[in-house]
Protein backbone atom coordinates (compact mmCIF):
# COMPACT_ATOMS: atom_id res chain seq x y z
CA MET A 1 47.54 -31.72 146.33
CA ARG A 2 45.32 -28.66 146.09
CA ASP A 3 44.86 -27.05 142.68
CA VAL A 4 45.28 -23.54 144.03
CA SER A 5 45.86 -21.83 147.36
CA VAL A 6 43.13 -19.96 149.24
CA ASP A 7 43.74 -16.69 147.39
CA GLY A 8 43.63 -18.37 143.99
CA GLU A 9 47.39 -18.42 143.32
CA PRO A 10 49.04 -21.65 142.10
CA ASP A 11 50.17 -23.80 145.03
CA VAL A 12 53.77 -24.06 143.91
CA ALA A 13 54.88 -25.13 147.40
CA ALA A 14 52.76 -28.28 147.21
CA VAL A 15 54.37 -29.37 143.94
CA ALA A 16 57.83 -28.43 145.24
CA ALA A 17 57.26 -30.59 148.31
CA LEU A 18 56.36 -33.57 146.12
CA LEU A 19 59.44 -33.21 143.94
CA GLY A 20 61.70 -32.18 146.81
CA GLU A 21 61.99 -35.73 148.16
CA PRO A 22 65.04 -37.43 146.54
CA ALA A 23 63.36 -40.76 145.75
CA ARG A 24 60.33 -39.08 144.17
CA ALA A 25 62.58 -36.76 142.18
CA ALA A 26 64.58 -39.76 140.91
CA MET A 27 61.37 -41.48 139.81
CA CYS A 28 60.22 -38.42 137.89
CA LEU A 29 63.60 -38.04 136.18
CA ALA A 30 63.44 -41.72 135.19
CA LEU A 31 60.09 -41.03 133.51
CA ALA A 32 61.15 -37.80 131.79
CA ASP A 33 61.54 -39.49 128.40
CA GLY A 34 57.79 -40.13 128.20
CA ARG A 35 57.91 -43.87 128.82
CA ALA A 36 55.76 -45.74 131.34
CA LEU A 37 57.58 -47.89 133.90
CA PRO A 38 56.38 -50.37 136.55
CA ALA A 39 56.75 -49.71 140.26
CA GLY A 40 59.57 -52.23 140.66
CA GLU A 41 61.70 -50.50 138.02
CA LEU A 42 61.06 -47.11 139.60
CA ALA A 43 61.98 -48.47 143.05
CA LEU A 44 65.30 -49.66 141.60
CA ARG A 45 65.95 -46.29 139.95
CA ALA A 46 65.21 -44.47 143.21
CA GLY A 47 67.18 -46.91 145.39
CA VAL A 48 64.26 -47.63 147.73
CA SER A 49 62.25 -50.70 148.74
CA PRO A 50 59.10 -51.65 146.79
CA GLN A 51 56.93 -50.67 149.76
CA THR A 52 58.57 -47.26 150.06
CA ALA A 53 58.27 -46.77 146.31
CA SER A 54 54.57 -47.60 146.47
CA ASN A 55 54.01 -44.91 149.10
CA HIS A 56 55.89 -42.34 147.03
CA LEU A 57 53.99 -43.26 143.87
CA GLU A 58 50.64 -42.85 145.60
CA LYS A 59 51.63 -39.33 146.67
CA LEU A 60 52.72 -38.45 143.14
CA LEU A 61 49.44 -39.80 141.78
CA ARG A 62 47.38 -37.80 144.27
CA GLY A 63 49.38 -34.71 143.33
CA ARG A 64 48.69 -35.38 139.63
CA VAL A 65 52.39 -35.44 138.86
CA LEU A 66 52.02 -39.02 137.61
CA SER A 67 49.29 -41.02 135.93
CA VAL A 68 48.93 -44.81 135.93
CA GLU A 69 47.59 -47.39 133.51
CA GLN A 70 46.78 -51.03 134.18
CA GLN A 71 47.97 -53.80 131.85
CA GLY A 72 46.94 -57.18 133.17
CA ARG A 73 48.31 -57.51 136.68
CA TRP A 74 50.87 -54.75 136.17
CA ARG A 75 50.55 -51.03 136.76
CA TYR A 76 52.66 -48.67 134.66
CA TYR A 77 53.41 -45.12 135.76
CA ARG A 78 54.23 -42.13 133.59
CA LEU A 79 54.44 -38.36 133.97
CA SER A 80 50.95 -36.93 133.68
CA GLY A 81 51.84 -34.60 130.82
CA GLU A 82 54.49 -32.71 128.92
CA GLU A 83 54.11 -29.73 131.23
CA VAL A 84 55.27 -31.94 134.12
CA ALA A 85 58.26 -33.13 132.08
CA ARG A 86 59.18 -29.52 131.31
CA ALA A 87 58.98 -28.65 135.01
CA VAL A 88 61.22 -31.58 135.96
CA GLU A 89 63.78 -30.66 133.29
CA ALA A 90 63.65 -26.99 134.33
CA LEU A 91 64.44 -27.94 137.91
CA ALA A 92 67.33 -30.07 136.65
CA VAL A 93 68.78 -26.97 134.94
CA ILE A 94 69.24 -25.16 138.26
CA ALA A 95 69.92 -28.20 140.44
CA PRO A 96 73.45 -28.84 141.78
CA ARG A 97 75.30 -31.75 140.20
CA VAL A 98 75.44 -34.98 142.20
CA LEU A 99 77.14 -38.08 140.82
CA LYS A 100 74.97 -41.05 141.68
CA ALA A 101 75.57 -44.66 140.78
CA SER A 102 72.63 -46.70 139.60
CA ALA A 103 72.36 -50.11 141.26
CA ARG A 104 71.85 -51.67 137.87
CA ASN A 105 73.73 -49.54 135.36
CA GLY A 106 76.58 -47.90 137.28
CA SER A 107 77.12 -44.18 136.90
CA VAL A 108 74.74 -42.83 134.25
CA ALA A 109 75.56 -39.14 134.57
CA GLY A 110 78.07 -39.18 131.70
CA PRO A 111 75.87 -41.06 129.18
CA LEU A 112 72.87 -38.87 130.05
CA ARG A 113 74.89 -35.74 129.39
CA GLU A 114 76.12 -37.14 126.10
CA ALA A 115 72.77 -38.21 124.61
CA ARG A 116 69.37 -38.95 126.07
CA THR A 117 65.67 -38.76 125.38
CA CYS A 118 63.60 -36.10 127.11
CA TYR A 119 59.85 -36.72 126.87
CA GLY A 120 59.98 -37.71 123.22
CA HIS A 121 62.90 -35.62 121.91
CA PHE A 122 66.68 -35.83 121.95
CA ALA A 123 68.65 -33.96 124.60
CA GLY A 124 72.20 -33.73 125.92
CA ARG A 125 75.18 -32.91 123.71
CA PHE A 126 73.65 -34.91 120.90
CA GLY A 127 70.28 -33.13 121.10
CA VAL A 128 71.93 -29.70 121.07
CA ALA A 129 74.29 -30.65 118.22
CA LEU A 130 71.42 -32.07 116.16
CA THR A 131 69.39 -28.89 116.60
CA ASP A 132 72.42 -26.79 115.63
CA ALA A 133 72.94 -28.92 112.50
CA LEU A 134 69.30 -28.53 111.43
CA LEU A 135 69.67 -24.77 111.81
CA ASP A 136 73.02 -24.65 110.02
CA ARG A 137 71.73 -26.65 107.05
CA GLY A 138 68.64 -24.46 106.77
CA TRP A 139 66.07 -27.15 107.52
CA ILE A 140 64.65 -25.10 110.40
CA GLU A 141 64.82 -21.47 111.51
CA LEU A 142 64.46 -19.96 114.96
CA SER A 143 61.65 -17.44 115.36
CA GLY A 144 61.43 -16.24 118.95
CA ARG A 145 61.21 -19.49 120.91
CA ALA A 146 59.73 -21.48 118.02
CA TYR A 147 61.51 -23.52 115.38
CA VAL A 148 59.93 -23.00 111.95
CA VAL A 149 60.49 -25.57 109.18
CA THR A 150 61.76 -24.01 105.96
CA ASP A 151 60.75 -25.07 102.44
CA GLU A 152 64.11 -26.83 102.22
CA GLY A 153 63.36 -28.61 105.48
CA ILE A 154 59.90 -29.69 104.34
CA ALA A 155 61.43 -31.30 101.26
CA ARG A 156 64.31 -32.93 103.10
CA PHE A 157 62.18 -34.28 105.94
CA ALA A 158 59.79 -35.72 103.33
CA GLU A 159 62.71 -37.64 101.82
CA LEU A 160 63.21 -39.22 105.24
CA GLY A 161 59.53 -40.10 105.58
CA ILE A 162 58.43 -37.22 107.80
CA GLU A 163 55.56 -35.27 106.23
CA VAL A 164 55.83 -31.98 108.06
CA ARG A 165 52.53 -30.56 106.79
CA GLY A 166 50.72 -33.63 108.07
CA LEU A 167 52.05 -33.36 111.62
CA ARG A 168 49.62 -32.37 114.31
CA ARG A 169 50.74 -29.04 115.73
CA GLY A 170 51.07 -28.74 119.48
CA PRO A 171 50.09 -25.65 121.46
CA ARG A 172 53.62 -24.30 120.92
CA GLY A 173 53.88 -25.26 117.26
CA LEU A 174 55.85 -28.01 115.53
CA GLY A 175 59.06 -27.22 117.37
CA TYR A 176 60.16 -25.03 120.27
CA THR A 177 63.20 -24.36 122.42
CA CYS A 178 63.85 -26.54 125.47
CA LEU A 179 66.69 -25.55 127.78
CA ASP A 180 69.04 -28.50 128.20
CA TRP A 181 69.96 -29.07 131.85
CA SER A 182 73.38 -30.55 131.07
CA GLU A 183 74.45 -28.25 128.21
CA ARG A 184 72.75 -25.04 129.41
CA ARG A 185 71.72 -24.45 125.80
CA HIS A 186 68.58 -25.12 123.81
CA HIS A 187 67.62 -28.24 121.93
CA MET A 188 64.42 -28.72 119.93
CA ALA A 189 61.29 -30.16 121.48
CA GLY A 190 57.80 -30.61 120.04
CA PRO A 191 56.01 -32.81 117.48
CA LEU A 192 58.74 -32.56 114.84
CA ALA A 193 61.43 -33.50 117.35
CA THR A 194 59.33 -36.48 118.41
CA GLU A 195 59.12 -37.69 114.81
CA ILE A 196 62.88 -37.39 114.45
CA VAL A 197 63.33 -39.62 117.52
CA LYS A 198 60.93 -42.22 116.11
CA LEU A 199 62.80 -42.22 112.80
CA ALA A 200 66.21 -42.52 114.48
CA PHE A 201 65.14 -45.54 116.51
CA ALA A 202 63.33 -47.18 113.57
CA TRP A 203 66.41 -46.87 111.34
CA ASP A 204 68.80 -47.96 114.11
CA TRP A 205 70.60 -44.62 114.15
CA VAL A 206 70.39 -44.65 117.95
CA ARG A 207 70.02 -47.34 120.60
CA ARG A 208 68.99 -47.07 124.22
CA VAL A 209 71.53 -47.76 126.95
CA GLY A 210 69.98 -50.51 129.04
CA GLY A 211 66.79 -49.32 130.67
CA THR A 212 67.95 -45.72 131.10
CA ARG A 213 67.10 -42.52 129.22
CA ALA A 214 70.61 -42.49 127.77
CA VAL A 215 71.08 -43.36 124.09
CA VAL A 216 74.12 -43.96 121.88
CA VAL A 217 74.44 -43.09 118.21
CA THR A 218 75.29 -46.17 116.14
CA PRO A 219 77.98 -46.20 113.43
CA ALA A 220 75.18 -46.18 110.82
CA GLY A 221 73.62 -43.19 112.56
CA ARG A 222 76.92 -41.31 112.57
CA ARG A 223 77.38 -41.95 108.85
CA GLU A 224 73.87 -40.84 107.92
CA LEU A 225 73.87 -37.76 110.15
CA ARG A 226 77.20 -36.71 108.69
CA ARG A 227 75.92 -37.26 105.14
CA LEU A 228 72.60 -35.49 105.67
CA LEU A 229 73.54 -32.69 108.05
CA ASP A 230 77.33 -32.63 108.15
CA LEU A 231 76.91 -33.49 111.84
CA ARG A 232 80.29 -34.67 113.10
CA LEU A 233 79.68 -36.07 116.56
CA GLY A 234 82.56 -35.83 119.00
CA GLU A 235 84.13 -32.88 117.21
CA ALA A 236 84.10 -29.31 118.43
CA ARG A 237 80.62 -27.86 118.75
CA ARG A 238 79.81 -24.30 117.77
CA ALA A 239 79.53 -21.77 120.57
CA GLY A 240 76.50 -19.68 121.43
């Protein structure tokens, strides 16, 4: 894929062509949580043969949509950066809804809408509700498109083992808005959101659904989130 067109403008058409093929799009969506997966797993997710998957993966590598790392005899593919993940999620926001059954996990559309990981942060109904709860409890505040951690939030996150002042700030700060493709509302992305995901998995507040991006909140997670943030999952969510 060319970096730019002849007149110096970004070659958006070249990227669109890469992501416009259904199998390649399915592979990129499977990698949108930041994990690296082998070619065989991606072939299964896309519903294509290993040989066809290999051809698609080579095109995505040449287009710098994916990167690859070798571990022994296995090659693991991942999205080449967070900007690619944001582009994939942005396309998902405007894409028509198609129910598709996974050969291995059945229909995953519902679980993905309910709770999922998106390149290191929580998304879906759960991700939006968690962001709302952090705002409601005064741990974070919205400033433009950035989430700013309050003094209250710094103290409360420290109690959970997240030292906010020690986090490495990204180019868009510690937290920023990410438009959720299933909820059509914002959830929080960025370094702070990534730390929250790590904590939730480490403390068994959430568990992954098979090999998908979907997650479920455990009973322990529901109890702790209700205690800490008055987050009552499954109940009516605030509007707006």
